[in-house]
Amino acid sequence: MYGWIWRHLPGNVWVRGLISLVLVLAAVYALFQYVFPWAEPLLPFGDVTVDGQGAQEAGTGR
């Protein structure tokens, strides 16, 4: 897949590298601005079941 994208980009190696960097940055921006905020309520990150007791027991060797 990456080879196909690389072959279809215009320009020499430096131009292709710059275009690739811009494409990667655009993908990261889209993920952080649109995809992750949309998916965050669907993920169970707020359902934490860990309390302070487990950390204390681990330190005492019980």
PDB file of N, CA and C in Angstrom:
ATOM      1  N   MET A   1       0.830  -1.185   0.000  1.00  0.00           N
ATOM      2  CA  MET A   1       0.000   0.000   0.000  1.00  0.00           C
ATOM      3  C   MET A   1       0.876   1.250   0.000  1.00  0.00           C
ATOM      4  N   TYR A   2       1.889   1.299   0.880  1.00  0.00           N
ATOM      5  CA  TYR A   2       2.726   2.488   0.944  1.00  0.00           C
ATOM      6  C   TYR A   2       3.543   2.653  -0.329  1.00  0.00           C
ATOM      7  N   GLY A   3       3.963   1.551  -0.902  1.00  0.00           N
ATOM      8  CA  GLY A   3       4.672   1.626  -2.172  1.00  0.00           C
ATOM      9  C   GLY A   3       3.799   2.174  -3.276  1.00  0.00           C
ATOM     10  N   TRP A   4       2.542   1.790  -3.286  1.00  0.00           N
ATOM     11  CA  TRP A   4       1.610   2.290  -4.292  1.00  0.00           C
ATOM     12  C   TRP A   4       1.428   3.797  -4.139  1.00  0.00           C
ATOM     13  N   ILE A   5       1.265   4.259  -2.899  1.00  0.00           N
ATOM     14  CA  ILE A   5       1.119   5.697  -2.658  1.00  0.00           C
ATOM     15  C   ILE A   5       2.382   6.428  -3.092  1.00  0.00           C
ATOM     16  N   TRP A   6       3.538   5.895  -2.724  1.00  0.00           N
ATOM     17  CA  TRP A   6       4.813   6.538  -3.057  1.00  0.00           C
ATOM     18  C   TRP A   6       4.989   6.650  -4.569  1.00  0.00           C
ATOM     19  N   ARG A   7       4.642   5.599  -5.294  1.00  0.00           N
ATOM     20  CA  ARG A   7       4.798   5.634  -6.758  1.00  0.00           C
ATOM     21  C   ARG A   7       3.859   6.628  -7.419  1.00  0.00           C
ATOM     22  N   HIS A   8       2.719   6.914  -6.807  1.00  0.00           N
ATOM     23  CA  HIS A   8       1.744   7.803  -7.431  1.00  0.00           C
ATOM     24  C   HIS A   8       1.883   9.263  -7.011  1.00  0.00           C
ATOM     25  N   LEU A   9       2.799   9.556  -6.120  1.00  0.00           N
ATOM     26  CA  LEU A   9       3.045  10.942  -5.745  1.00  0.00           C
ATOM     27  C   LEU A   9       3.906  11.613  -6.812  1.00  0.00           C
ATOM     28  N   PRO A  10       3.631  12.884  -7.098  1.00  0.00           N
ATOM     29  CA  PRO A  10       4.435  13.577  -8.116  1.00  0.00           C
ATOM     30  C   PRO A  10       5.758  14.083  -7.541  1.00  0.00           C
ATOM     31  N   GLY A  11       6.719  14.341  -8.420  1.00  0.00           N
ATOM     32  CA  GLY A  11       7.962  14.979  -8.031  1.00  0.00           C
ATOM     33  C   GLY A  11       9.084  14.004  -7.743  1.00  0.00           C
ATOM     34  N   ASN A  12      10.212  14.602  -7.304  1.00  0.00           N
ATOM     35  CA  ASN A  12      11.376  13.782  -6.962  1.00  0.00           C
ATOM     36  C   ASN A  12      11.259  13.297  -5.519  1.00  0.00           C
ATOM     37  N   VAL A  13      12.327  12.726  -4.992  1.00  0.00           N
ATOM     38  CA  VAL A  13      12.287  12.117  -3.657  1.00  0.00           C
ATOM     39  C   VAL A  13      11.968  13.155  -2.583  1.00  0.00           C
ATOM     40  N   TRP A  14      12.559  14.339  -2.686  1.00  0.00           N
ATOM     41  CA  TRP A  14      12.334  15.370  -1.670  1.00  0.00           C
ATOM     42  C   TRP A  14      10.893  15.871  -1.683  1.00  0.00           C
ATOM     43  N   VAL A  15      10.338  16.055  -2.867  1.00  0.00           N
ATOM     44  CA  VAL A  15       8.947  16.505  -2.979  1.00  0.00           C
ATOM     45  C   VAL A  15       8.003  15.414  -2.478  1.00  0.00           C
ATOM     46  N   ARG A  16       8.284  14.186  -2.835  1.00  0.00           N
ATOM     47  CA  ARG A  16       7.464  13.069  -2.357  1.00  0.00           C
ATOM     48  C   ARG A  16       7.531  12.950  -0.837  1.00  0.00           C
ATOM     49  N   GLY A  17       8.722  13.137  -0.283  1.00  0.00           N
ATOM     50  CA  GLY A  17       8.871  13.097   1.169  1.00  0.00           C
ATOM     51  C   GLY A  17       8.069  14.197   1.849  1.00  0.00           C
ATOM     52  N   LEU A  18       8.102  15.399   1.291  1.00  0.00           N
ATOM     53  CA  LEU A  18       7.339  16.518   1.851  1.00  0.00           C
ATOM     54  C   LEU A  18       5.842  16.265   1.737  1.00  0.00           C
ATOM     55  N   ILE A  19       5.390  15.769   0.611  1.00  0.00           N
ATOM     56  CA  ILE A  19       3.971  15.461   0.434  1.00  0.00           C
ATOM     57  C   ILE A  19       3.558  14.343   1.389  1.00  0.00           C
ATOM     58  N   SER A  20       4.416  13.349   1.566  1.00  0.00           N
ATOM     59  CA  SER A  20       4.112  12.259   2.497  1.00  0.00           C
ATOM     60  C   SER A  20       3.983  12.783   3.921  1.00  0.00           C
ATOM     61  N   LEU A  21       4.867  13.686   4.313  1.00  0.00           N
ATOM     62  CA  LEU A  21       4.803  14.273   5.647  1.00  0.00           C
ATOM     63  C   LEU A  21       3.506  15.050   5.838  1.00  0.00           C
ATOM     64  N   VAL A  22       3.122  15.815   4.833  1.00  0.00           N
ATOM     65  CA  VAL A  22       1.869  16.572   4.909  1.00  0.00           C
ATOM     66  C   VAL A  22       0.674  15.625   4.999  1.00  0.00           C
ATOM     67  N   LEU A  23       0.697  14.531   4.256  1.00  0.00           N
ATOM     68  CA  LEU A  23      -0.395  13.560   4.317  1.00  0.00           C
ATOM     69  C   LEU A  23      -0.488  12.899   5.696  1.00  0.00           C
ATOM     70  N   VAL A  24       0.649  12.559   6.277  1.00  0.00           N
ATOM     71  CA  VAL A  24       0.651  11.949   7.606  1.00  0.00           C
ATOM     72  C   VAL A  24       0.136  12.939   8.641  1.00  0.00           C
ATOM     73  N   LEU A  25       0.592  14.180   8.574  1.00  0.00           N
ATOM     74  CA  LEU A  25       0.117  15.203   9.513  1.00  0.00           C
ATOM     75  C   LEU A  25      -1.381  15.457   9.355  1.00  0.00           C
ATOM     76  N   ALA A  26      -1.876  15.437   8.133  1.00  0.00           N
ATOM     77  CA  ALA A  26      -3.313  15.618   7.906  1.00  0.00           C
ATOM     78  C   ALA A  26      -4.107  14.453   8.485  1.00  0.00           C
ATOM     79  N   ALA A  27      -3.589  13.242   8.351  1.00  0.00           N
ATOM     80  CA  ALA A  27      -4.274  12.076   8.911  1.00  0.00           C
ATOM     81  C   ALA A  27      -4.295  12.140  10.434  1.00  0.00           C
ATOM     82  N   VAL A  28      -3.182  12.521  11.051  1.00  0.00           N
ATOM     83  CA  VAL A  28      -3.126  12.646  12.513  1.00  0.00           C
ATOM     84  C   VAL A  28      -4.080  13.737  12.982  1.00  0.00           C
ATOM     85  N   TYR A  29      -4.102  14.867  12.281  1.00  0.00           N
ATOM     86  CA  TYR A  29      -5.012  15.960  12.632  1.00  0.00           C
ATOM     87  C   TYR A  29      -6.467  15.502  12.562  1.00  0.00           C
ATOM     88  N   ALA A  30      -6.816  14.799  11.497  1.00  0.00           N
ATOM     89  CA  ALA A  30      -8.194  14.319  11.340  1.00  0.00           C
ATOM     90  C   ALA A  30      -8.556  13.333  12.448  1.00  0.00           C
ATOM     91  N   LEU A  31      -7.627  12.464  12.819  1.00  0.00           N
ATOM     92  CA  LEU A  31      -7.900  11.519  13.901  1.00  0.00           C
ATOM     93  C   LEU A  31      -8.152  12.240  15.218  1.00  0.00           C
ATOM     94  N   PHE A  32      -7.276  13.186  15.566  1.00  0.00           N
ATOM     95  CA  PHE A  32      -7.417  13.870  16.847  1.00  0.00           C
ATOM     96  C   PHE A  32      -8.593  14.841  16.877  1.00  0.00           C
ATOM     97  N   GLN A  33      -8.964  15.428  15.762  1.00  0.00           N
ATOM     98  CA  GLN A  33     -10.045  16.406  15.752  1.00  0.00           C
ATOM     99  C   GLN A  33     -11.429  15.795  15.553  1.00  0.00           C
ATOM    100  N   TYR A  34     -11.518  14.686  14.835  1.00  0.00           N
ATOM    101  CA  TYR A  34     -12.827  14.149  14.477  1.00  0.00           C
ATOM    102  C   TYR A  34     -13.071  12.718  14.951  1.00  0.00           C
ATOM    103  N   VAL A  35     -12.129  11.823  14.703  1.00  0.00           N
ATOM    104  CA  VAL A  35     -12.365  10.405  14.980  1.00  0.00           C
ATOM    105  C   VAL A  35     -12.294  10.106  16.469  1.00  0.00           C
ATOM    106  N   PHE A  36     -11.232  10.535  17.144  1.00  0.00           N
ATOM    107  CA  PHE A  36     -11.091  10.221  18.567  1.00  0.00           C
ATOM    108  C   PHE A  36     -12.184  10.867  19.416  1.00  0.00           C
ATOM    109  N   PRO A  37     -12.552  12.137  19.209  1.00  0.00           N
ATOM    110  CA  PRO A  37     -13.666  12.684  19.999  1.00  0.00           C
ATOM    111  C   PRO A  37     -14.988  11.954  19.738  1.00  0.00           C
ATOM    112  N   TRP A  38     -15.202  11.498  18.523  1.00  0.00           N
ATOM    113  CA  TRP A  38     -16.419  10.753  18.219  1.00  0.00           C
ATOM    114  C   TRP A  38     -16.427   9.404  18.931  1.00  0.00           C
ATOM    115  N   ALA A  39     -15.267   8.734  18.964  1.00  0.00           N
ATOM    116  CA  ALA A  39     -15.198   7.386  19.519  1.00  0.00           C
ATOM    117  C   ALA A  39     -15.061   7.373  21.042  1.00  0.00           C
ATOM    118  N   GLU A  40     -14.645   8.476  21.655  1.00  0.00           N
ATOM    119  CA  GLU A  40     -14.377   8.494  23.094  1.00  0.00           C
ATOM    120  C   GLU A  40     -15.583   8.099  23.938  1.00  0.00           C
ATOM    121  N   PRO A  41     -16.799   8.563  23.660  1.00  0.00           N
ATOM    122  CA  PRO A  41     -17.923   8.119  24.483  1.00  0.00           C
ATOM    123  C   PRO A  41     -18.259   6.637  24.314  1.00  0.00           C
ATOM    124  N   LEU A  42     -17.833   6.039  23.240  1.00  0.00           N
ATOM    125  CA  LEU A  42     -18.120   4.635  22.985  1.00  0.00           C
ATOM    126  C   LEU A  42     -17.151   3.691  23.694  1.00  0.00           C
ATOM    127  N   LEU A  43     -16.026   4.222  24.183  1.00  0.00           N
ATOM    128  CA  LEU A  43     -14.994   3.403  24.814  1.00  0.00           C
ATOM    129  C   LEU A  43     -15.159   3.420  26.330  1.00  0.00           C
ATOM    130  N   PRO A  44     -14.775   2.330  26.999  1.00  0.00           N
ATOM    131  CA  PRO A  44     -15.022   2.214  28.446  1.00  0.00           C
ATOM    132  C   PRO A  44     -13.939   2.834  29.321  1.00  0.00           C
ATOM    133  N   PHE A  45     -13.347   3.969  28.938  1.00  0.00           N
ATOM    134  CA  PHE A  45     -12.278   4.554  29.738  1.00  0.00           C
ATOM    135  C   PHE A  45     -12.798   5.160  31.036  1.00  0.00           C
ATOM    136  N   GLY A  46     -14.073   5.512  31.125  1.00  0.00           N
ATOM    137  CA  GLY A  46     -14.626   6.090  32.333  1.00  0.00           C
ATOM    138  C   GLY A  46     -15.065   5.048  33.342  1.00  0.00           C
ATOM    139  N   ASP A  47     -15.088   3.778  32.965  1.00  0.00           N
ATOM    140  CA  ASP A  47     -15.531   2.699  33.857  1.00  0.00           C
ATOM    141  C   ASP A  47     -14.339   2.093  34.592  1.00  0.00           C
ATOM    142  N   VAL A  48     -13.755   2.870  35.492  1.00  0.00           N
ATOM    143  CA  VAL A  48     -12.582   2.421  36.227  1.00  0.00           C
ATOM    144  C   VAL A  48     -13.032   1.623  37.438  1.00  0.00           C
ATOM    145  N   THR A  49     -12.440   0.447  37.634  1.00  0.00           N
ATOM    146  CA  THR A  49     -12.823  -0.409  38.760  1.00  0.00           C
ATOM    147  C   THR A  49     -11.676  -0.586  39.747  1.00  0.00           C
ATOM    148  N   VAL A  50     -10.610   0.157  39.596  1.00  0.00           N
ATOM    149  CA  VAL A  50      -9.456   0.038  40.474  1.00  0.00           C
ATOM    150  C   VAL A  50      -9.655   0.982  41.659  1.00  0.00           C
ATOM    151  N   ASP A  51      -9.405   0.477  42.876  1.00  0.00           N
ATOM    152  CA  ASP A  51      -9.464   1.340  44.047  1.00  0.00           C
ATOM    153  C   ASP A  51      -8.092   1.375  44.721  1.00  0.00           C
ATOM    154  N   GLY A  52      -7.943   2.097  45.808  1.00  0.00           N
ATOM    155  CA  GLY A  52      -6.662   2.242  46.481  1.00  0.00           C
ATOM    156  C   GLY A  52      -6.201   1.006  47.226  1.00  0.00           C
ATOM    157  N   GLN A  53      -7.051   0.030  47.455  1.00  0.00           N
ATOM    158  CA  GLN A  53      -6.696  -1.149  48.229  1.00  0.00           C
ATOM    159  C   GLN A  53      -5.662  -2.017  47.524  1.00  0.00           C
ATOM    160  N   GLY A  54      -5.770  -2.167  46.241  1.00  0.00           N
ATOM    161  CA  GLY A  54      -4.852  -3.049  45.509  1.00  0.00           C
ATOM    162  C   GLY A  54      -3.417  -2.546  45.550  1.00  0.00           C
ATOM    163  N   ALA A  55      -3.214  -1.265  45.479  1.00  0.00           N
ATOM    164  CA  ALA A  55      -1.862  -0.706  45.515  1.00  0.00           C
ATOM    165  C   ALA A  55      -1.241  -0.897  46.883  1.00  0.00           C
ATOM    166  N   GLN A  56      -2.004  -0.783  47.931  1.00  0.00           N
ATOM    167  CA  GLN A  56      -1.474  -0.953  49.266  1.00  0.00           C
ATOM    168  C   GLN A  56      -1.119  -2.410  49.534  1.00  0.00           C
ATOM    169  N   GLU A  57      -1.944  -3.322  49.070  1.00  0.00           N
ATOM    170  CA  GLU A  57      -1.669  -4.750  49.267  1.00  0.00           C
ATOM    171  C   GLU A  57      -0.448  -5.184  48.485  1.00  0.00           C
ATOM    172  N   ALA A  58      -0.239  -4.619  47.311  1.00  0.00           N
ATOM    173  CA  ALA A  58       0.916  -4.980  46.497  1.00  0.00           C
ATOM    174  C   ALA A  58       2.210  -4.553  47.186  1.00  0.00           C
ATOM    175  N   GLY A  59       2.172  -3.444  47.885  1.00  0.00           N
ATOM    176  CA  GLY A  59       3.359  -2.971  48.581  1.00  0.00           C
ATOM    177  C   GLY A  59       3.712  -3.779  49.823  1.00  0.00           C
ATOM    178  N   THR A  60       2.743  -4.437  50.446  1.00  0.00           N
ATOM    179  CA  THR A  60       3.000  -5.196  51.669  1.00  0.00           C
ATOM    180  C   THR A  60       3.375  -6.648  51.386  1.00  0.00           C
ATOM    181  N   GLY A  61       3.213  -7.103  50.174  1.00  0.00           N
ATOM    182  CA  GLY A  61       3.560  -8.469  49.819  1.00  0.00           C
ATOM    183  C   GLY A  61       2.523  -9.491  50.191  1.00  0.00           C
ATOM    184  N   ARG A  62       1.296  -9.104  50.401  1.00  0.00           N
ATOM    185  CA  ARG A  62       0.215 -10.045  50.752  1.00  0.00           C
ATOM    186  C   ARG A  62      -0.267 -10.809  49.562  1.00  0.00           C
TER     187      ARG A  62
END
